[in-house]
Amino acid sequence: MERKEVITIKGNPLTLVGNEVKVGDKAPDFKVLDGALNEVKLSDFKGKIKVISVTPSLDTPVCDMQLKRFDKEATSLSDDVAMINISVDLPFAISRFCTTNEISKAKAYSDHKDLSFGQNYGLIIKELRLLARAIVIIDREDIIRSFEVVSEVTNHPDYDKALNTLKQLV
């Protein structure tokens, strides 16, 4: 499924590809890779609240700041909350980024191999083979409780909205 003009980059419209999901839907499973090339699935976080920060590439300033912000927020949260970042960066680049920037609480994963997450959540940018910037919050029963797709890829997500939704679920 393709959706046009949902997002832009520097004002230029882009096409999103994949299944459209919305608040209230059962969160689709997905497969991503960690820095050691181990497969990780949504089901690996069963029983936890999942905050999924989606970034096009950690090598850009907004993505860099987004992961650092959620990592910082995660330090004050219980182990019942999984703070996850997903991008299409190579697993090795993600691992290097996390080590260099001392990312300790948030877990960063790569959707580069299969675009499984991007396809299942409708976040693949067709023109760039990157993921759209988004925040997805999934409750303990794997129901999507918040889903923000940032309309301008170069803008930040609404951190306060995401954190307020999270506080209601904890």
Foldseek 3Di string as FASTA:
>chain_A
DKDWLQAAAVPHIFIFAADADDFQDQQDKFWWAALVRDIDIPCVLAQAKEKEWEAQDCPDDQNVVQLVVLLVVQVPDDPSYAAEYEKQPDNNVVVVSCVVVVRDRHGYTHCNPPCGNSRHHRFQGVVPRIGFGWIWIAANSRGTHDIDGDRHRVDHDPVVVSVVSVVVRD
